[in-house]
Amino acid sequence: MEYYNILFYLPPRKPLLNPIVDLLVGFVSLVVCYLLFIKPLRQKPEFSPYIQKIAFYGWIARIGGAFFVYYLYFFYYGYGDIINYMIDAQSLVKSFFYRPLQTIHYMLYSIASRSYTEYFDRFPDFYWFWVNNNIFLSLLHDNISQTVPLVIFPLNLLAAGSINATIILFSTLSYLSYFYFFMGIKKIYPHSWEYTMFPILFMPSVLSWTSLPFKEGISLSLSIYAINSIFLYKKRLHSMILSIPALYFAYAVKPYIVISLIPVLGLIIVTNFNLKATTHALNYLIYPFFATAVLFGSWYLLQVAAESTGKYSFQNVATQAYLSYVDLTRHESYYHITMGGSVYDIGEFEPTIPGMLSKFPIAFYTGLFRPFLWEARKPIILLTSLEITAFSLFLLYGLLKYGVWRVLRGILENPWSIVFMIFSVFFIYMMGLTSGNFGNLVRYRVPGLFFFYTVIFATYGKLAREVDYRRQRK
């Protein structure tokens, strides 16, 4: 059956709710989210008054960033992935109102089969039901992207189809992951954890791209939830169980983020090994076997996860990186139309692992420091270039003030910093290598920047405390 001939030529879909009603529902959801999630944080006795205030301001900043980006796309660009995701989630809600059980069956079947059209072959009556009711999904050709509306669906259903309420619900739930990560990071940086507040809770690019259900935002938020549940907080059965679907959907919507995190999680387990043995000798005896098992298990899981995606397998990753580079820099796709003024070129490279590695310096430099101010030709790129310029100056300031070797020593003294930095450097390098244009780069590199500047702020904070301590002793 050729779905696109009909589904793509249906009349334009209308929002489920009147804009005024949508606005009112959004306001109600804002109040409810505050009362259910944020107010309890502000009343926790174990939090200082300062942290209680931060809990509120961080939430407001995240919601503000979400609405800014969504309505920038809506009014300025008039299109975009996030708009399609929201409208597609509304389509699923509309279908659910008419046929709840079959709609749920369609979503579960599509997730399991990794195809959003195969179900129509088995149940053509459901296909014609969609056509007759002007219901369709705009990303049927892209199985990964079409998973995003399924993730949003429960929130949009809870919001009665309201886009504003869905944005608030997603922003609030994702914010809780980042806030508890910030509070849990005290275990990692006991003397400088407060300094990580800005990159974790207030960094503009993190606020912009993770407070909305972009693929990067969903994947990173769910991954951080899993890190919180597995490593940073007391092991609770329900949290551990919820970590499994969280990591699955993080992988489903953005496979390479979770693939990149697999060895990181393995290294975290190894570096935080702590057996309750009766003697230290037993610890030393067991540790090599435990570490070897975890590392080999991580490597095997990494291979399985990469192979299951096809294009990110070890055999294809170099070719995929090269094809992405060619596609985006030579204007051979729709990016020429949507991002044409933002293309960058780091030079040709061979579709091999050595060819990719030969571009490491310029690709990492591009991923970390660009776009420059003079390279910004669109509002969203200009805002990003302002942010990255400020962070670059902060990075340079710290290197000049404390010295490169002291900063490196500060990073190497903390096992978590080493693990996070390995992930960040690799991730930023790969995004700089394959993104091809700044419109993609500013979104794709966010997970790398998040962990990179978390480590930098924590390290600079530790060094600043050491300087103050030495001054006080003089």
Protein backbone atom coordinates (compact mmCIF):
# COMPACT_ATOMS: atom_id res chain seq x y z
CA MET A 1 0.00 0.00 0.00
CA GLU A 2 1.36 3.47 -0.89
CA TYR A 3 0.58 5.55 2.16
CA TYR A 4 2.22 8.77 1.09
CA ASN A 5 -0.05 9.26 -1.95
CA ILE A 6 -3.00 9.89 0.35
CA LEU A 7 -1.67 10.67 3.81
CA PHE A 8 0.66 13.40 2.58
CA TYR A 9 -2.08 15.10 0.55
CA LEU A 10 -4.77 15.33 3.17
CA PRO A 11 -5.99 18.82 4.13
CA PRO A 12 -3.77 20.61 6.68
CA ARG A 13 -4.36 19.42 10.22
CA LYS A 14 -5.90 21.85 12.66
CA PRO A 15 -4.91 22.06 16.35
CA LEU A 16 -7.13 20.03 18.65
CA LEU A 17 -7.80 23.04 20.86
CA ASN A 18 -8.65 26.66 20.22
CA PRO A 19 -5.54 28.82 20.90
CA ILE A 20 -7.25 30.61 23.81
CA VAL A 21 -8.32 27.29 25.35
CA ASP A 22 -4.82 25.93 24.78
CA LEU A 23 -3.38 28.94 26.60
CA LEU A 24 -5.75 28.47 29.56
CA VAL A 25 -4.98 24.74 29.80
CA GLY A 26 -1.28 25.62 29.69
CA PHE A 27 -1.69 28.04 32.60
CA VAL A 28 -3.55 25.43 34.65
CA SER A 29 -0.79 22.89 33.95
CA LEU A 30 1.82 25.45 35.06
CA VAL A 31 0.08 25.85 38.43
CA VAL A 32 -0.39 22.10 38.84
CA CYS A 33 3.27 21.35 38.01
CA TYR A 34 4.41 23.95 40.52
CA LEU A 35 2.19 22.55 43.28
CA LEU A 36 3.04 18.90 42.58
CA PHE A 37 6.75 19.07 41.76
CA ILE A 38 8.41 22.42 42.49
CA LYS A 39 6.79 23.56 45.72
CA PRO A 40 7.82 20.32 47.52
CA LEU A 41 11.43 21.00 46.46
CA ARG A 42 11.22 24.49 47.98
CA GLN A 43 9.98 23.04 51.26
CA LYS A 44 12.51 20.22 51.71
CA PRO A 45 14.26 20.82 55.04
CA GLU A 46 17.48 19.16 53.82
CA PHE A 47 17.83 21.85 51.13
CA SER A 48 19.32 25.18 52.11
CA PRO A 49 17.28 28.36 51.39
CA TYR A 50 19.69 29.05 48.52
CA ILE A 51 19.01 25.66 46.90
CA GLN A 52 15.28 26.08 47.44
CA LYS A 53 15.42 29.32 45.46
CA ILE A 54 17.56 27.71 42.76
CA ALA A 55 14.98 24.92 42.42
CA PHE A 56 12.34 27.48 41.50
CA TYR A 57 14.47 29.73 39.29
CA GLY A 58 15.90 26.77 37.40
CA TRP A 59 12.39 25.53 36.64
CA ILE A 60 11.27 28.96 35.42
CA ALA A 61 14.38 29.26 33.23
CA ARG A 62 13.75 25.85 31.67
CA ILE A 63 10.11 26.59 30.88
CA GLY A 64 11.08 30.00 29.49
CA GLY A 65 13.70 28.40 27.26
CA ALA A 66 11.20 25.84 26.02
CA PHE A 67 8.59 28.41 25.04
CA PHE A 68 11.19 30.70 23.48
CA VAL A 69 12.52 28.00 21.15
CA TYR A 70 9.11 26.53 20.28
CA TYR A 71 7.55 29.86 19.34
CA LEU A 72 10.70 31.00 17.58
CA TYR A 73 10.26 28.00 15.29
CA PHE A 74 6.52 28.59 15.08
CA PHE A 75 6.49 32.31 14.25
CA TYR A 76 9.89 32.90 12.64
CA TYR A 77 10.57 29.70 10.71
CA GLY A 78 6.98 28.50 10.40
CA TYR A 79 8.09 24.86 10.47
CA GLY A 80 10.50 22.54 12.22
CA ASP A 81 10.87 19.12 13.80
CA ILE A 82 9.42 20.21 17.12
CA ILE A 83 6.23 21.49 15.48
CA ASN A 84 5.83 18.21 13.58
CA TYR A 85 6.39 16.23 16.78
CA MET A 86 3.68 18.15 18.60
CA ILE A 87 1.14 17.92 15.80
CA ASP A 88 1.84 14.22 15.34
CA ALA A 89 1.31 13.65 19.07
CA GLN A 90 -2.04 15.44 18.72
CA SER A 91 -2.90 13.11 15.82
CA LEU A 92 -2.26 10.10 18.06
CA VAL A 93 -4.42 11.64 20.77
CA LYS A 94 -7.20 12.23 18.25
CA SER A 95 -6.92 8.62 17.08
CA PHE A 96 -6.97 7.47 20.71
CA PHE A 97 -10.22 9.34 21.39
CA TYR A 98 -11.88 7.42 18.54
CA ARG A 99 -10.19 4.02 18.84
CA PRO A 100 -8.20 3.81 22.10
CA LEU A 101 -7.30 0.11 22.09
CA GLN A 102 -6.32 -0.05 18.43
CA THR A 103 -4.28 3.15 18.70
CA ILE A 104 -2.33 1.70 21.64
CA HIS A 105 -1.88 -1.52 19.65
CA TYR A 106 -0.60 0.47 16.69
CA MET A 107 1.98 2.29 18.80
CA LEU A 108 3.23 -0.85 20.57
CA TYR A 109 3.40 -2.76 17.28
CA SER A 110 5.28 0.07 15.58
CA ILE A 111 7.83 0.31 18.41
CA ALA A 112 8.45 -3.44 18.31
CA SER A 113 8.68 -3.64 14.51
CA ARG A 114 10.55 -0.32 14.10
CA SER A 115 8.16 0.57 11.32
CA TYR A 116 5.24 2.98 11.40
CA THR A 117 3.70 1.79 8.14
CA GLU A 118 3.82 -1.99 8.53
CA TYR A 119 0.76 -1.97 10.79
CA PHE A 120 -1.36 -0.56 7.96
CA ASP A 121 -0.55 -3.61 5.80
CA ARG A 122 -1.94 -5.91 8.47
CA PHE A 123 -4.91 -3.70 9.38
CA PRO A 124 -5.90 -1.63 6.33
CA ASP A 125 -9.18 -0.62 8.00
CA PHE A 126 -7.15 1.40 10.51
CA TYR A 127 -5.39 3.13 7.66
CA TRP A 128 -8.68 4.15 6.05
CA PHE A 129 -10.00 5.22 9.44
CA TRP A 130 -7.07 7.66 9.64
CA VAL A 131 -7.64 8.92 6.10
CA ASN A 132 -11.33 9.49 6.63
CA ASN A 133 -10.68 11.45 9.84
CA ASN A 134 -7.76 13.49 8.50
CA ILE A 135 -5.29 11.77 10.85
CA PHE A 136 -1.72 11.16 9.74
CA LEU A 137 1.87 11.29 10.92
CA SER A 138 4.26 13.58 9.10
CA LEU A 139 7.42 11.51 9.65
CA LEU A 140 6.35 8.03 8.58
CA HIS A 141 9.48 7.75 6.43
CA ASP A 142 11.77 8.24 9.45
CA ASN A 143 11.30 5.52 12.05
CA ILE A 144 13.56 7.17 14.65
CA SER A 145 11.94 10.60 14.38
CA GLN A 146 8.46 9.12 14.43
CA THR A 147 9.20 7.57 17.83
CA VAL A 148 9.29 11.05 19.36
CA PRO A 149 5.51 11.68 19.05
CA LEU A 150 4.95 8.32 20.76
CA VAL A 151 7.07 9.50 23.68
CA ILE A 152 5.15 12.78 23.80
CA PHE A 153 1.75 11.06 23.42
CA PRO A 154 1.12 10.33 27.15
CA LEU A 155 1.89 13.94 28.05
CA ASN A 156 -0.28 15.34 25.26
CA LEU A 157 -3.09 12.98 26.26
CA LEU A 158 -2.77 14.10 29.89
CA ALA A 159 -2.83 17.70 28.63
CA ALA A 160 -6.05 17.04 26.65
CA GLY A 161 -4.24 17.86 23.40
CA SER A 162 -2.85 21.21 24.58
CA ILE A 163 0.55 22.06 23.09
CA ASN A 164 1.34 24.66 25.77
CA ALA A 165 0.51 22.21 28.56
CA THR A 166 2.57 19.49 26.87
CA ILE A 167 5.57 21.82 26.73
CA ILE A 168 5.19 22.61 30.44
CA LEU A 169 4.79 18.97 31.43
CA PHE A 170 7.82 17.84 29.43
CA SER A 171 9.93 20.78 30.65
CA THR A 172 9.03 20.08 34.27
CA LEU A 173 9.69 16.33 34.13
CA SER A 174 12.99 16.79 32.31
CA TYR A 175 13.94 19.55 34.76
CA LEU A 176 13.57 17.15 37.67
CA SER A 177 16.20 14.87 36.10
CA TYR A 178 18.69 17.74 35.80
CA PHE A 179 17.92 19.17 39.25
CA TYR A 180 18.42 15.83 40.99
CA PHE A 181 21.57 15.28 38.94
CA PHE A 182 22.81 18.64 40.24
CA MET A 183 21.99 17.65 43.83
CA GLY A 184 23.41 14.15 43.43
CA ILE A 185 26.65 15.47 41.99
CA LYS A 186 27.68 16.36 45.55
CA LYS A 187 28.94 12.79 45.76
CA ILE A 188 31.22 13.42 42.79
CA TYR A 189 32.42 16.94 43.62
CA PRO A 190 31.87 17.39 47.36
CA HIS A 191 33.91 20.61 47.52
CA SER A 192 32.83 22.30 44.29
CA TRP A 193 29.43 20.91 43.32
CA GLU A 194 27.73 24.32 43.67
CA TYR A 195 29.83 25.62 40.77
CA THR A 196 28.17 23.14 38.40
CA MET A 197 24.79 24.84 38.87
CA PHE A 198 25.20 27.01 35.78
CA PRO A 199 26.07 24.36 33.15
CA ILE A 200 23.52 21.91 34.55
CA LEU A 201 20.55 24.20 35.26
CA PHE A 202 21.11 27.49 33.44
CA MET A 203 23.28 26.90 30.37
CA PRO A 204 21.22 28.45 27.51
CA SER A 205 21.84 25.73 24.92
CA VAL A 206 20.95 23.00 27.43
CA LEU A 207 17.80 24.89 28.41
CA SER A 208 16.84 25.46 24.79
CA TRP A 209 17.35 22.00 23.33
CA THR A 210 16.58 19.71 26.27
CA SER A 211 13.51 21.47 27.68
CA LEU A 212 11.57 20.56 24.52
CA PRO A 213 11.01 17.04 23.18
CA PHE A 214 13.70 17.20 20.54
CA LYS A 215 15.42 13.86 20.07
CA GLU A 216 18.51 15.18 21.86
CA GLY A 217 16.40 16.51 24.73
CA ILE A 218 14.52 13.25 25.24
CA SER A 219 17.61 11.06 24.99
CA LEU A 220 19.80 13.15 27.31
CA SER A 221 17.04 13.68 29.90
CA LEU A 222 16.24 9.96 30.06
CA SER A 223 19.94 9.07 30.21
CA ILE A 224 20.48 11.46 33.12
CA TYR A 225 17.47 9.95 34.89
CA ALA A 226 19.11 6.53 34.52
CA ILE A 227 22.45 7.84 35.84
CA ASN A 228 20.64 9.33 38.84
CA SER A 229 18.79 6.09 39.56
CA ILE A 230 21.72 3.72 39.07
CA PHE A 231 24.68 5.68 40.45
CA LEU A 232 23.87 8.85 42.36
CA TYR A 233 20.98 7.94 44.65
CA LYS A 234 19.98 5.15 46.95
CA LYS A 235 19.01 2.12 44.92
CA ARG A 236 15.24 1.86 44.83
CA LEU A 237 13.53 -0.96 42.98
CA HIS A 238 11.00 1.18 41.13
CA SER A 239 13.70 3.64 39.99
CA MET A 240 15.93 0.82 38.78
CA ILE A 241 13.03 -0.74 36.88
CA LEU A 242 12.07 2.59 35.28
CA SER A 243 15.68 3.06 34.17
CA ILE A 244 15.28 0.19 31.69
CA PRO A 245 12.50 1.77 29.54
CA ALA A 246 14.18 5.17 30.03
CA LEU A 247 17.40 3.92 28.43
CA TYR A 248 15.44 2.05 25.76
CA PHE A 249 13.55 5.14 24.60
CA ALA A 250 16.71 7.24 24.90
CA TYR A 251 18.29 4.74 22.53
CA ALA A 252 15.22 4.58 20.28
CA VAL A 253 15.11 8.33 19.57
CA LYS A 254 18.86 9.07 19.46
CA PRO A 255 20.88 5.85 19.28
CA TYR A 256 24.36 7.33 19.13
CA ILE A 257 23.93 9.20 22.43
CA VAL A 258 23.24 5.98 24.33
CA ILE A 259 25.86 4.09 22.31
CA SER A 260 28.42 6.70 23.33
CA LEU A 261 27.29 6.46 26.97
CA ILE A 262 27.58 2.66 27.23
CA PRO A 263 31.38 2.59 27.77
CA VAL A 264 31.01 5.63 30.04
CA LEU A 265 28.54 3.77 32.26
CA GLY A 266 30.87 0.77 32.31
CA LEU A 267 33.81 2.93 33.38
CA ILE A 268 31.66 4.56 36.09
CA ILE A 269 30.79 1.13 37.49
CA VAL A 270 34.45 0.12 37.51
CA THR A 271 35.68 3.35 39.11
CA ASN A 272 32.98 3.18 41.79
CA PHE A 273 33.57 -0.46 42.65
CA ASN A 274 32.96 -1.00 46.35
CA LEU A 275 32.52 -4.48 47.73
CA LYS A 276 31.56 -4.84 51.37
CA ALA A 277 34.34 -7.29 52.06
CA THR A 278 35.74 -8.17 55.42
CA THR A 279 39.28 -7.44 54.33
CA HIS A 280 40.89 -5.03 51.90
CA ALA A 281 42.82 -7.94 50.45
CA LEU A 282 39.61 -9.52 49.24
CA ASN A 283 38.69 -6.28 47.51
CA TYR A 284 42.01 -6.22 45.71
CA LEU A 285 41.63 -9.87 44.75
CA ILE A 286 38.13 -9.51 43.31
CA TYR A 287 38.55 -6.11 41.66
CA PRO A 288 40.56 -7.22 38.56
CA PHE A 289 38.00 -9.91 37.72
CA PHE A 290 35.08 -7.57 38.37
CA ALA A 291 36.59 -4.76 36.28
CA THR A 292 37.41 -7.12 33.43
CA ALA A 293 33.88 -8.56 33.41
CA VAL A 294 32.26 -5.11 33.43
CA LEU A 295 34.50 -3.73 30.68
CA PHE A 296 34.02 -6.76 28.44
CA GLY A 297 30.28 -6.65 29.14
CA SER A 298 30.18 -2.96 28.20
CA TRP A 299 32.13 -3.67 25.03
CA TYR A 300 29.75 -6.47 24.06
CA LEU A 301 26.68 -4.32 24.79
CA LEU A 302 28.24 -1.49 22.79
CA GLN A 303 28.71 -3.79 19.79
CA VAL A 304 25.15 -5.13 20.02
CA ALA A 305 23.64 -1.64 20.32
CA ALA A 306 25.74 -0.30 17.46
CA GLU A 307 25.07 -3.27 15.18
CA SER A 308 21.32 -3.09 15.75
CA THR A 309 21.23 0.42 14.29
CA GLY A 310 22.97 -0.62 11.06
CA LYS A 311 24.49 2.72 10.12
CA TYR A 312 26.26 3.18 13.48
CA SER A 313 27.86 -0.27 13.46
CA PHE A 314 31.64 -0.43 13.69
CA GLN A 315 31.83 -1.47 10.04
CA ASN A 316 29.65 1.41 8.86
CA VAL A 317 30.39 4.27 11.23
CA ALA A 318 33.22 5.71 9.12
CA THR A 319 31.15 5.48 5.94
CA GLN A 320 28.15 7.02 7.71
CA ALA A 321 30.26 9.90 8.98
CA TYR A 322 31.58 10.51 5.48
CA LEU A 323 28.12 10.33 3.88
CA SER A 324 26.74 12.79 6.46
CA TYR A 325 29.60 15.14 5.73
CA VAL A 326 29.07 14.90 1.94
CA ASP A 327 25.30 15.21 2.22
CA LEU A 328 25.35 18.30 4.41
CA THR A 329 28.33 20.19 3.03
CA ARG A 330 27.54 19.65 -0.64
CA HIS A 331 23.88 20.62 -0.26
CA GLU A 332 22.56 17.26 -1.41
CA SER A 333 19.58 17.22 0.94
CA TYR A 334 16.84 19.44 2.34
CA TYR A 335 19.40 21.02 4.66
CA HIS A 336 20.44 23.20 1.72
CA ILE A 337 16.99 24.76 1.82
CA THR A 338 16.51 24.94 5.58
CA MET A 339 20.07 25.59 6.74
CA GLY A 340 21.74 26.83 3.56
CA GLY A 341 23.37 29.86 5.16
CA SER A 342 24.91 27.83 7.98
CA VAL A 343 27.06 25.25 6.21
CA TYR A 344 30.66 24.79 7.33
CA ASP A 345 33.43 22.71 5.81
CA ILE A 346 36.28 21.07 7.74
CA GLY A 347 37.84 19.59 4.62
CA GLU A 348 37.71 16.26 2.83
CA PHE A 349 38.50 13.00 4.62
CA GLU A 350 38.55 9.34 3.64
CA PRO A 351 35.61 7.14 4.79
CA THR A 352 37.90 5.14 7.10
CA ILE A 353 38.75 5.25 10.80
CA PRO A 354 42.23 6.72 10.09
CA GLY A 355 40.58 9.25 7.78
CA MET A 356 38.18 10.28 10.54
CA LEU A 357 40.95 10.54 13.14
CA SER A 358 43.01 12.75 10.84
CA LYS A 359 40.28 15.40 11.27
CA PHE A 360 40.22 15.23 15.05
CA PRO A 361 41.84 18.63 15.80
CA ILE A 362 39.68 20.72 13.47
CA ALA A 363 36.51 18.69 14.13
CA PHE A 364 36.85 18.99 17.92
CA TYR A 365 37.74 22.67 17.62
CA THR A 366 34.66 23.24 15.44
CA GLY A 367 32.37 21.29 17.76
CA LEU A 368 33.56 23.14 20.86
CA PHE A 369 34.10 26.74 19.70
CA ARG A 370 32.02 27.41 16.58
CA PRO A 371 29.99 29.14 15.24
CA PHE A 372 31.90 32.37 15.68
CA LEU A 373 29.98 35.63 15.86
CA TRP A 374 30.78 36.51 12.24
CA GLU A 375 29.49 33.11 11.08
CA ALA A 376 25.97 33.65 12.43
CA ARG A 377 23.41 34.39 9.73
CA LYS A 378 20.25 33.36 11.56
CA PRO A 379 18.80 34.38 14.95
CA ILE A 380 19.20 30.98 16.59
CA ILE A 381 22.79 30.71 15.34
CA LEU A 382 23.59 34.23 16.60
CA LEU A 383 22.31 33.41 20.08
CA THR A 384 24.34 30.22 20.14
CA SER A 385 27.49 32.02 18.97
CA LEU A 386 27.07 34.56 21.79
CA GLU A 387 26.79 31.74 24.31
CA ILE A 388 29.71 29.74 22.95
CA THR A 389 31.87 32.89 22.85
CA ALA A 390 31.14 33.56 26.53
CA PHE A 391 31.92 29.97 27.52
CA SER A 392 35.09 29.95 25.41
CA LEU A 393 36.30 33.10 27.18
CA PHE A 394 35.51 31.50 30.53
CA LEU A 395 37.47 28.39 29.54
CA LEU A 396 40.42 30.50 28.41
CA TYR A 397 40.27 32.62 31.58
CA GLY A 398 40.53 29.55 33.79
CA LEU A 399 43.40 28.08 31.78
CA LEU A 400 45.34 31.36 32.05
CA LYS A 401 44.54 31.88 35.74
CA TYR A 402 45.24 28.37 37.03
CA GLY A 403 47.52 27.04 34.30
CA VAL A 404 46.88 24.24 31.82
CA TRP A 405 48.69 21.59 33.88
CA ARG A 406 46.86 22.42 37.10
CA VAL A 407 43.52 22.23 35.28
CA LEU A 408 44.48 18.88 33.74
CA ARG A 409 45.63 17.63 37.12
CA GLY A 410 42.34 18.73 38.66
CA ILE A 411 40.43 16.76 36.03
CA LEU A 412 42.63 13.65 36.31
CA GLU A 413 42.31 13.56 40.10
CA ASN A 414 38.59 12.75 39.85
CA PRO A 415 37.58 9.45 38.15
CA TRP A 416 34.14 10.83 37.25
CA SER A 417 35.75 13.86 35.60
CA ILE A 418 37.95 11.57 33.50
CA VAL A 419 34.97 9.49 32.38
CA PHE A 420 32.77 12.51 31.62
CA MET A 421 35.60 14.22 29.76
CA ILE A 422 36.33 11.14 27.61
CA PHE A 423 32.68 11.05 26.60
CA SER A 424 32.56 14.81 25.98
CA VAL A 425 35.69 15.01 23.85
CA PHE A 426 34.65 12.05 21.72
CA PHE A 427 31.07 13.29 21.35
CA ILE A 428 31.99 16.88 20.49
CA TYR A 429 34.56 15.63 17.97
CA MET A 430 32.03 13.38 16.23
CA MET A 431 29.42 16.14 16.08
CA GLY A 432 31.95 18.59 14.68
CA LEU A 433 32.96 15.99 12.10
CA THR A 434 29.52 14.95 10.88
CA SER A 435 27.03 17.78 11.52
CA GLY A 436 27.98 19.75 8.40
CA ASN A 437 26.05 22.90 9.29
CA PHE A 438 25.65 25.04 12.36
CA GLY A 439 21.89 24.53 12.51
CA ASN A 440 22.51 20.87 13.29
CA LEU A 441 25.69 21.36 15.29
CA VAL A 442 24.13 23.63 17.93
CA ARG A 443 21.62 20.89 18.77
CA TYR A 444 23.62 17.73 18.24
CA ARG A 445 26.58 18.69 20.46
CA VAL A 446 24.50 19.61 23.54
CA PRO A 447 25.13 16.30 25.41
CA GLY A 448 28.88 16.75 24.93
CA LEU A 449 28.85 20.39 26.03
CA PHE A 450 26.70 19.52 29.04
CA PHE A 451 29.23 17.10 30.53
CA PHE A 452 32.28 19.05 29.29
CA TYR A 453 31.36 22.26 31.07
CA THR A 454 30.08 20.41 34.13
CA VAL A 455 33.62 19.05 34.56
CA ILE A 456 35.22 22.43 33.75
CA PHE A 457 33.07 24.38 36.24
CA ALA A 458 33.62 21.77 38.96
CA THR A 459 37.38 21.74 38.34
CA TYR A 460 37.67 25.53 38.30
CA GLY A 461 35.60 25.67 41.49
CA LYS A 462 37.93 23.20 43.20
CA LEU A 463 41.00 25.16 42.11
CA ALA A 464 39.41 28.44 43.27
CA ARG A 465 38.78 26.95 46.72
CA GLU A 466 42.40 25.77 46.88
CA VAL A 467 43.61 29.29 46.05
CA ASP A 468 41.36 30.82 48.73
CA TYR A 469 42.53 28.28 51.28
CA ARG A 470 46.20 29.07 50.62
CA ARG A 471 45.50 32.78 50.92
CA GLN A 472 43.78 32.30 54.27
CA ARG A 473 46.73 30.34 55.64
CA LYS A 474 49.23 33.04 54.75
